[in-house]
């Protein structure tokens, strides 16, 4: 039942206007689920896992009682949103210029 729920949520996120890809990565940077092509998936998984780890370290170094809850990166062409969890990262890539108003 939980598996079906995950698939349903992924589908809902992917069908959101402007969303280019949805990725779930475990703590080792290994993609568990993806809507992107393989090469892109591996690239995003590796880079975002490292960046998230750095961001989490920075937040904790500033305040040891704090933790990273969300990471949002916006560039000219896209927006990458990361929701870290205990065991995995949920990564959503979207085109901010393509989001319906």
Protein backbone atom coordinates (compact mmCIF):
# COMPACT_ATOMS: atom_id res chain seq x y z
CA UNK A 1 0.00 0.00 0.00
CA UNK A 2 2.85 2.39 0.85
CA UNK A 3 4.46 1.64 -2.52
CA UNK A 4 1.30 2.60 -4.39
CA UNK A 5 1.10 5.80 -2.35
CA UNK A 6 4.67 6.72 -3.32
CA UNK A 7 3.93 6.07 -7.01
CA UNK A 8 0.75 8.13 -6.82
CA UNK A 9 2.56 11.05 -5.16
CA UNK A 10 5.35 10.90 -7.75
CA UNK A 11 2.81 10.96 -10.55
CA UNK A 12 0.99 13.91 -8.98
CA UNK A 13 4.24 15.87 -8.59
CA UNK A 14 5.41 15.05 -12.12
CA UNK A 15 2.11 16.26 -13.62
CA UNK A 16 2.37 19.62 -11.86
CA UNK A 17 2.81 22.52 -14.34
CA UNK A 18 6.47 23.32 -14.96
CA UNK A 19 7.86 20.16 -13.34
CA UNK A 20 10.61 18.63 -15.47
CA UNK A 21 11.57 15.78 -13.20
CA UNK A 22 11.12 14.13 -9.82
CA UNK A 23 13.84 12.15 -8.13
CA UNK A 24 14.09 10.20 -4.87
CA UNK A 25 17.65 9.56 -3.74
CA UNK A 26 18.83 7.57 -0.72
CA UNK A 27 21.48 8.82 1.72
CA UNK A 28 24.26 7.23 -0.33
CA UNK A 29 23.28 9.30 -3.36
CA UNK A 30 21.73 6.32 -5.14
CA UNK A 31 18.52 7.08 -7.06
CA UNK A 32 15.57 4.99 -5.88
CA UNK A 33 12.88 6.53 -8.12
CA UNK A 34 13.15 8.91 -11.04
CA UNK A 35 11.21 10.39 -13.91
CA UNK A 36 14.40 11.58 -15.63
CA UNK A 37 16.60 9.72 -18.10
CA UNK A 38 19.39 7.59 -16.59
CA UNK A 39 22.41 9.86 -17.27
CA UNK A 40 20.62 12.93 -15.95
CA UNK A 41 19.35 11.02 -12.93
CA UNK A 42 22.87 9.92 -11.95
CA UNK A 43 24.23 13.44 -12.42
CA UNK A 44 21.50 15.12 -10.35
CA UNK A 45 21.63 12.43 -7.66
CA UNK A 46 25.37 12.84 -7.12
CA UNK A 47 25.52 16.62 -7.24
CA UNK A 48 22.39 17.33 -5.20
CA UNK A 49 23.34 14.79 -2.52
CA UNK A 50 26.71 16.53 -2.07
CA UNK A 51 25.16 20.00 -2.05
CA UNK A 52 22.48 18.97 0.45
CA UNK A 53 25.11 17.47 2.71
CA UNK A 54 27.11 20.72 2.61
CA UNK A 55 23.99 22.80 3.27
CA UNK A 56 23.02 20.57 6.21
CA UNK A 57 26.55 20.89 7.66
CA UNK A 58 26.44 24.68 7.33
CA UNK A 59 23.07 24.90 9.09
CA UNK A 60 24.26 22.65 11.92
CA UNK A 61 27.55 24.48 12.29
CA UNK A 62 25.71 27.78 12.72
CA UNK A 63 23.39 26.18 15.27
CA UNK A 64 23.95 22.58 16.44
CA UNK A 65 20.28 22.33 17.48
CA UNK A 66 19.06 23.19 13.98
CA UNK A 67 18.69 21.07 10.84
CA UNK A 68 18.08 21.51 7.13
CA UNK A 69 14.39 21.11 6.23
CA UNK A 70 14.27 22.41 2.67
CA UNK A 71 16.70 23.56 0.00
CA UNK A 72 15.72 25.64 -3.01
CA UNK A 73 18.12 26.56 -5.81
CA UNK A 74 16.99 28.87 -8.56
CA UNK A 75 19.00 29.50 -11.70
CA UNK A 76 18.16 31.29 -14.93
CA UNK A 77 16.80 28.13 -16.50
CA UNK A 78 15.41 26.07 -13.66
CA UNK A 79 14.58 25.64 -10.03
CA UNK A 80 15.66 22.65 -7.97
CA UNK A 81 13.78 21.97 -4.76
CA UNK A 82 15.04 19.43 -2.26
CA UNK A 83 13.11 18.09 0.71
CA UNK A 84 15.55 16.06 2.83
CA UNK A 85 14.27 13.28 5.06
CA UNK A 86 16.01 10.93 7.48
CA UNK A 87 16.62 8.25 4.84
CA UNK A 88 16.27 9.99 1.50
CA UNK A 89 16.02 13.22 -0.50
CA UNK A 90 13.04 14.22 -2.60
CA UNK A 91 14.26 16.35 -5.51
CA UNK A 92 11.98 18.26 -7.85
CA UNK A 93 13.30 20.04 -10.92
CA UNK A 94 11.07 22.62 -12.51
CA UNK A 95 11.13 25.40 -15.06
CA UNK A 96 10.05 28.49 -13.09
CA UNK A 97 9.15 30.25 -16.34
CA UNK A 98 6.78 27.44 -17.28
CA UNK A 99 4.67 27.42 -14.11
CA UNK A 100 1.07 28.36 -14.78
CA UNK A 101 0.01 31.46 -12.88
